Amino acid sequence: MPGCEGMTPRAHRLLARVRAAAEAGGETFAFMISGGCCGGTNPVLCRRSSIIEGFDLRLGEAGGIAVYAHPDHARYLAADRFVIDALDGVRSDTFSLEIPHGGRFVLRELPDEGA
């Protein structure tokens, strides 16, 4: 089934750092797959309250966090299987919550099951 199929161990480690820093505030998170403006086509870790219920489409889950995309962008991702990975270093043009923790989340497409 297409959509987000989880996250890599490296992404789990980065997410754990973000969660540890936010633990005292009781933050809940969501991933929004960016449409390409500021963050490229990458998962942006945001506060759960940033998601528009009934509008943004859920594409799966990674690390216990729901993954969403804008309906127009979700249409392009509909046939893809992917995981969320992480890279060391940051790009200064993103609003994603992991940036202060020295990394950034990225998408990794999985091969077709029939290939």
N, C-alpha and C. Protein backbone atom coordinates (compact mmCIF):
# COMPACT_ATOMS: atom_id res chain seq x y z
N MET A 1 0.85 -1.19 0.00
CA MET A 1 0.00 0.00 0.00
C MET A 1 0.89 1.25 0.00
N PRO A 2 0.62 2.19 -0.87
CA PRO A 2 1.43 3.42 -0.92
C PRO A 2 1.28 4.25 0.35
N GLY A 3 2.26 5.09 0.57
CA GLY A 3 2.23 6.00 1.70
C GLY A 3 3.46 5.84 2.57
N CYS A 4 3.43 6.48 3.70
CA CYS A 4 4.56 6.44 4.62
C CYS A 4 4.58 5.10 5.35
N GLU A 5 5.73 4.44 5.32
CA GLU A 5 5.86 3.13 5.94
C GLU A 5 6.80 3.13 7.14
N GLY A 6 6.96 4.29 7.76
CA GLY A 6 7.76 4.35 8.97
C GLY A 6 8.97 5.26 8.85
N MET A 7 9.98 4.97 9.66
CA MET A 7 11.19 5.80 9.65
C MET A 7 12.42 4.94 9.92
N THR A 8 13.54 5.47 9.51
CA THR A 8 14.81 4.78 9.69
C THR A 8 15.30 4.94 11.13
N PRO A 9 16.25 4.10 11.55
CA PRO A 9 16.83 4.26 12.89
C PRO A 9 17.44 5.66 13.10
N ARG A 10 18.06 6.20 12.09
CA ARG A 10 18.65 7.54 12.20
C ARG A 10 17.57 8.59 12.46
N ALA A 11 16.42 8.45 11.79
CA ALA A 11 15.30 9.38 12.02
C ALA A 11 14.73 9.20 13.42
N HIS A 12 14.66 7.95 13.90
CA HIS A 12 14.19 7.71 15.27
C HIS A 12 15.07 8.42 16.29
N ARG A 13 16.38 8.38 16.07
CA ARG A 13 17.30 9.04 17.02
C ARG A 13 17.09 10.55 17.04
N LEU A 14 16.93 11.16 15.85
CA LEU A 14 16.69 12.61 15.79
C LEU A 14 15.35 12.95 16.45
N LEU A 15 14.33 12.17 16.16
CA LEU A 15 13.02 12.41 16.77
C LEU A 15 13.10 12.29 18.30
N ALA A 16 13.88 11.35 18.80
CA ALA A 16 14.04 11.20 20.25
C ALA A 16 14.65 12.45 20.87
N ARG A 17 15.60 13.08 20.18
CA ARG A 17 16.19 14.32 20.70
C ARG A 17 15.15 15.44 20.75
N VAL A 18 14.33 15.53 19.71
CA VAL A 18 13.28 16.57 19.69
C VAL A 18 12.27 16.31 20.80
N ARG A 19 11.84 15.07 20.92
CA ARG A 19 10.86 14.73 21.97
C ARG A 19 11.41 15.01 23.36
N ALA A 20 12.67 14.68 23.60
CA ALA A 20 13.27 14.91 24.92
C ALA A 20 13.28 16.40 25.26
N ALA A 21 13.57 17.22 24.28
CA ALA A 21 13.61 18.67 24.52
C ALA A 21 12.21 19.24 24.73
N ALA A 22 11.19 18.63 24.14
CA ALA A 22 9.83 19.16 24.22
C ALA A 22 9.01 18.50 25.32
N GLU A 23 9.57 17.48 25.95
CA GLU A 23 8.82 16.68 26.92
C GLU A 23 8.15 17.51 28.01
N ALA A 24 8.84 18.48 28.54
CA ALA A 24 8.29 19.30 29.62
C ALA A 24 7.07 20.09 29.18
N GLY A 25 7.01 20.44 27.90
CA GLY A 25 5.89 21.22 27.40
C GLY A 25 4.71 20.39 26.95
N GLY A 26 4.84 19.06 26.97
CA GLY A 26 3.74 18.20 26.57
C GLY A 26 3.38 18.34 25.10
N GLU A 27 4.35 18.67 24.26
CA GLU A 27 4.09 18.86 22.83
C GLU A 27 3.63 17.57 22.16
N THR A 28 2.72 17.69 21.22
CA THR A 28 2.39 16.60 20.32
C THR A 28 2.76 17.07 18.92
N PHE A 29 3.19 16.13 18.07
CA PHE A 29 3.74 16.48 16.78
C PHE A 29 2.99 15.82 15.63
N ALA A 30 3.25 16.32 14.44
CA ALA A 30 2.81 15.72 13.19
C ALA A 30 3.88 16.02 12.15
N PHE A 31 3.95 15.17 11.14
CA PHE A 31 4.79 15.45 9.98
C PHE A 31 3.89 15.96 8.86
N MET A 32 4.29 17.05 8.23
CA MET A 32 3.61 17.54 7.03
C MET A 32 4.61 17.44 5.89
N ILE A 33 4.25 16.73 4.84
CA ILE A 33 5.13 16.66 3.68
C ILE A 33 4.98 17.97 2.93
N SER A 34 6.06 18.71 2.91
CA SER A 34 6.07 20.04 2.31
C SER A 34 5.83 19.95 0.81
N GLY A 35 5.17 20.94 0.28
CA GLY A 35 4.91 21.00 -1.15
C GLY A 35 6.04 21.59 -1.95
N GLY A 36 7.16 21.90 -1.33
CA GLY A 36 8.32 22.34 -2.08
C GLY A 36 8.71 23.79 -1.90
N CYS A 37 7.97 24.58 -1.16
CA CYS A 37 8.30 26.00 -1.00
C CYS A 37 9.58 26.18 -0.20
N CYS A 38 9.48 26.27 1.09
CA CYS A 38 10.65 26.54 1.93
C CYS A 38 11.45 25.30 2.26
N GLY A 39 10.81 24.17 2.41
CA GLY A 39 11.51 22.98 2.85
C GLY A 39 11.76 21.97 1.76
N GLY A 40 11.53 22.33 0.50
CA GLY A 40 11.62 21.31 -0.54
C GLY A 40 10.50 20.31 -0.31
N THR A 41 10.58 19.17 -0.96
CA THR A 41 9.58 18.13 -0.72
C THR A 41 10.13 17.23 0.37
N ASN A 42 10.04 17.70 1.58
CA ASN A 42 10.56 16.98 2.73
C ASN A 42 9.54 17.02 3.86
N PRO A 43 9.66 16.07 4.79
CA PRO A 43 8.77 16.10 5.94
C PRO A 43 9.14 17.23 6.89
N VAL A 44 8.17 18.03 7.22
CA VAL A 44 8.35 19.12 8.17
C VAL A 44 7.71 18.67 9.48
N LEU A 45 8.51 18.61 10.54
CA LEU A 45 7.98 18.26 11.85
C LEU A 45 7.36 19.51 12.45
N CYS A 46 6.07 19.43 12.77
CA CYS A 46 5.36 20.60 13.28
C CYS A 46 4.53 20.21 14.49
N ARG A 47 3.98 21.19 15.13
CA ARG A 47 3.05 20.93 16.23
C ARG A 47 1.77 20.36 15.64
N ARG A 48 1.20 19.41 16.33
CA ARG A 48 -0.01 18.73 15.86
C ARG A 48 -1.12 19.73 15.57
N SER A 49 -1.16 20.82 16.29
CA SER A 49 -2.20 21.83 16.10
C SER A 49 -2.09 22.54 14.75
N SER A 50 -0.98 22.35 14.03
CA SER A 50 -0.81 22.98 12.71
C SER A 50 -1.57 22.26 11.61
N ILE A 51 -2.00 21.04 11.87
CA ILE A 51 -2.69 20.23 10.87
C ILE A 51 -4.16 20.63 10.83
N ILE A 52 -4.69 20.77 9.63
CA ILE A 52 -6.11 21.12 9.46
C ILE A 52 -6.89 19.83 9.28
N GLU A 53 -7.54 19.38 10.35
CA GLU A 53 -8.33 18.15 10.30
C GLU A 53 -9.42 18.26 9.24
N GLY A 54 -9.58 17.20 8.47
CA GLY A 54 -10.60 17.18 7.44
C GLY A 54 -10.15 17.81 6.14
N PHE A 55 -8.96 18.40 6.11
CA PHE A 55 -8.44 18.99 4.88
C PHE A 55 -7.14 18.31 4.48
N ASP A 56 -6.12 18.37 5.35
CA ASP A 56 -4.86 17.70 5.07
C ASP A 56 -5.11 16.19 5.08
N LEU A 57 -4.44 15.48 4.17
CA LEU A 57 -4.66 14.04 4.04
C LEU A 57 -3.57 13.26 4.76
N ARG A 58 -3.99 12.27 5.52
CA ARG A 58 -3.05 11.43 6.25
C ARG A 58 -2.47 10.37 5.31
N LEU A 59 -1.14 10.27 5.31
CA LEU A 59 -0.44 9.34 4.42
C LEU A 59 0.17 8.15 5.16
N GLY A 60 0.00 8.11 6.46
CA GLY A 60 0.58 7.03 7.24
C GLY A 60 1.10 7.54 8.56
N GLU A 61 2.08 6.79 9.10
CA GLU A 61 2.62 7.12 10.41
C GLU A 61 4.11 6.78 10.44
N ALA A 62 4.86 7.56 11.20
CA ALA A 62 6.29 7.30 11.37
C ALA A 62 6.67 7.63 12.81
N GLY A 63 7.22 6.67 13.50
CA GLY A 63 7.63 6.91 14.88
C GLY A 63 6.49 7.29 15.80
N GLY A 64 5.29 6.79 15.51
CA GLY A 64 4.13 7.13 16.31
C GLY A 64 3.54 8.49 16.01
N ILE A 65 4.00 9.11 14.93
CA ILE A 65 3.54 10.45 14.54
C ILE A 65 2.84 10.36 13.19
N ALA A 66 1.64 10.91 13.09
CA ALA A 66 0.91 10.91 11.83
C ALA A 66 1.64 11.75 10.78
N VAL A 67 1.56 11.30 9.53
CA VAL A 67 2.19 11.98 8.40
C VAL A 67 1.08 12.47 7.47
N TYR A 68 1.10 13.77 7.15
CA TYR A 68 0.06 14.40 6.34
C TYR A 68 0.66 15.12 5.14
N ALA A 69 -0.21 15.42 4.18
CA ALA A 69 0.16 16.28 3.05
C ALA A 69 -1.08 17.06 2.62
N HIS A 70 -0.85 18.22 2.03
CA HIS A 70 -1.93 18.99 1.43
C HIS A 70 -2.56 18.12 0.34
N PRO A 71 -3.87 18.18 0.13
CA PRO A 71 -4.51 17.32 -0.86
C PRO A 71 -3.88 17.39 -2.25
N ASP A 72 -3.50 18.56 -2.71
CA ASP A 72 -2.89 18.67 -4.04
C ASP A 72 -1.56 17.94 -4.10
N HIS A 73 -0.78 18.02 -3.03
CA HIS A 73 0.52 17.35 -3.01
C HIS A 73 0.36 15.85 -2.75
N ALA A 74 -0.62 15.47 -1.96
CA ALA A 74 -0.86 14.06 -1.66
C ALA A 74 -1.16 13.28 -2.94
N ARG A 75 -1.77 13.93 -3.90
CA ARG A 75 -2.08 13.29 -5.18
C ARG A 75 -0.81 12.79 -5.86
N TYR A 76 0.28 13.56 -5.76
CA TYR A 76 1.55 13.17 -6.37
C TYR A 76 2.26 12.07 -5.58
N LEU A 77 1.98 11.99 -4.31
CA LEU A 77 2.61 10.98 -3.45
C LEU A 77 1.80 9.69 -3.38
N ALA A 78 0.62 9.69 -3.96
CA ALA A 78 -0.32 8.59 -3.79
C ALA A 78 0.22 7.23 -4.24
N ALA A 79 1.08 7.21 -5.23
CA ALA A 79 1.59 5.94 -5.74
C ALA A 79 2.92 5.55 -5.11
N ASP A 80 3.48 6.40 -4.28
CA ASP A 80 4.81 6.15 -3.72
C ASP A 80 4.76 5.48 -2.36
N ARG A 81 5.77 4.66 -2.10
CA ARG A 81 6.02 4.11 -0.77
C ARG A 81 7.29 4.78 -0.29
N PHE A 82 7.28 5.28 0.94
CA PHE A 82 8.46 5.99 1.42
C PHE A 82 8.61 5.84 2.92
N VAL A 83 9.81 6.15 3.39
CA VAL A 83 10.10 6.22 4.82
C VAL A 83 10.68 7.60 5.10
N ILE A 84 10.65 7.98 6.35
CA ILE A 84 11.29 9.22 6.77
C ILE A 84 12.67 8.87 7.31
N ASP A 85 13.67 9.55 6.79
CA ASP A 85 15.06 9.37 7.19
C ASP A 85 15.53 10.70 7.78
N ALA A 86 16.76 10.75 8.24
CA ALA A 86 17.33 11.99 8.77
C ALA A 86 18.75 12.15 8.26
N LEU A 87 19.16 13.40 8.09
CA LEU A 87 20.52 13.75 7.70
C LEU A 87 21.10 14.67 8.76
N ASP A 88 22.41 14.57 8.95
CA ASP A 88 23.09 15.51 9.83
C ASP A 88 23.19 16.86 9.13
N GLY A 89 23.24 17.92 9.92
CA GLY A 89 23.32 19.26 9.35
C GLY A 89 21.93 19.80 9.07
N VAL A 90 21.88 21.08 8.81
CA VAL A 90 20.59 21.73 8.61
C VAL A 90 20.62 22.61 7.37
N ARG A 91 19.44 22.91 6.91
CA ARG A 91 19.25 23.93 5.88
C ARG A 91 18.57 25.09 6.56
N SER A 92 19.00 26.27 6.27
CA SER A 92 18.47 27.43 6.99
C SER A 92 17.09 27.86 6.52
N ASP A 93 16.55 27.21 5.49
CA ASP A 93 15.28 27.67 4.93
C ASP A 93 14.09 26.78 5.32
N THR A 94 14.12 26.22 6.51
CA THR A 94 13.00 25.39 6.91
C THR A 94 12.51 25.78 8.31
N PHE A 95 11.26 25.47 8.55
CA PHE A 95 10.63 25.77 9.84
C PHE A 95 10.47 24.52 10.69
N SER A 96 11.01 23.41 10.24
CA SER A 96 10.82 22.13 10.91
C SER A 96 11.44 22.14 12.31
N LEU A 97 10.77 21.51 13.26
CA LEU A 97 11.15 21.57 14.67
C LEU A 97 12.45 20.84 15.02
N GLU A 98 12.96 19.99 14.14
CA GLU A 98 14.21 19.29 14.44
C GLU A 98 15.45 20.12 14.16
N ILE A 99 15.33 21.21 13.45
CA ILE A 99 16.48 22.01 13.02
C ILE A 99 17.38 22.43 14.18
N PRO A 100 16.87 22.89 15.31
CA PRO A 100 17.76 23.26 16.42
C PRO A 100 18.54 22.08 17.01
N HIS A 101 18.19 20.86 16.60
CA HIS A 101 18.82 19.66 17.14
C HIS A 101 19.88 19.08 16.20
N GLY A 102 20.28 19.85 15.18
CA GLY A 102 21.41 19.47 14.35
C GLY A 102 21.16 18.51 13.21
N GLY A 103 19.91 18.32 12.85
CA GLY A 103 19.60 17.42 11.74
C GLY A 103 18.36 17.87 11.03
N ARG A 104 18.00 17.11 10.00
CA ARG A 104 16.75 17.40 9.29
C ARG A 104 16.18 16.11 8.74
N PHE A 105 14.88 16.06 8.66
CA PHE A 105 14.19 14.89 8.14
C PHE A 105 14.09 14.99 6.62
N VAL A 106 14.18 13.84 5.96
CA VAL A 106 14.06 13.75 4.50
C VAL A 106 13.22 12.53 4.15
N LEU A 107 12.70 12.50 2.94
CA LEU A 107 11.97 11.34 2.44
C LEU A 107 12.91 10.42 1.69
N ARG A 108 12.70 9.13 1.84
CA ARG A 108 13.42 8.12 1.06
C ARG A 108 12.37 7.23 0.41
N GLU A 109 12.36 7.24 -0.92
CA GLU A 109 11.41 6.39 -1.64
C GLU A 109 11.84 4.94 -1.53
N LEU A 110 10.87 4.07 -1.33
CA LEU A 110 11.13 2.63 -1.28
C LEU A 110 10.90 2.05 -2.67
N PRO A 111 11.62 1.00 -3.03
CA PRO A 111 11.41 0.39 -4.34
C PRO A 111 10.03 -0.24 -4.43
N ASP A 112 9.54 -0.35 -5.66
CA ASP A 112 8.27 -1.03 -5.88
C ASP A 112 8.37 -2.46 -5.38
N GLU A 113 7.32 -2.94 -4.76
CA GLU A 113 7.33 -4.31 -4.24
C GLU A 113 7.48 -5.34 -5.35
N GLY A 114 6.99 -5.02 -6.54
CA GLY A 114 7.06 -5.95 -7.66
C GLY A 114 8.37 -5.89 -8.42
N ALA A 115 9.25 -4.93 -8.06
CA ALA A 115 10.51 -4.76 -8.82
C ALA A 115 11.56 -5.76 -8.40
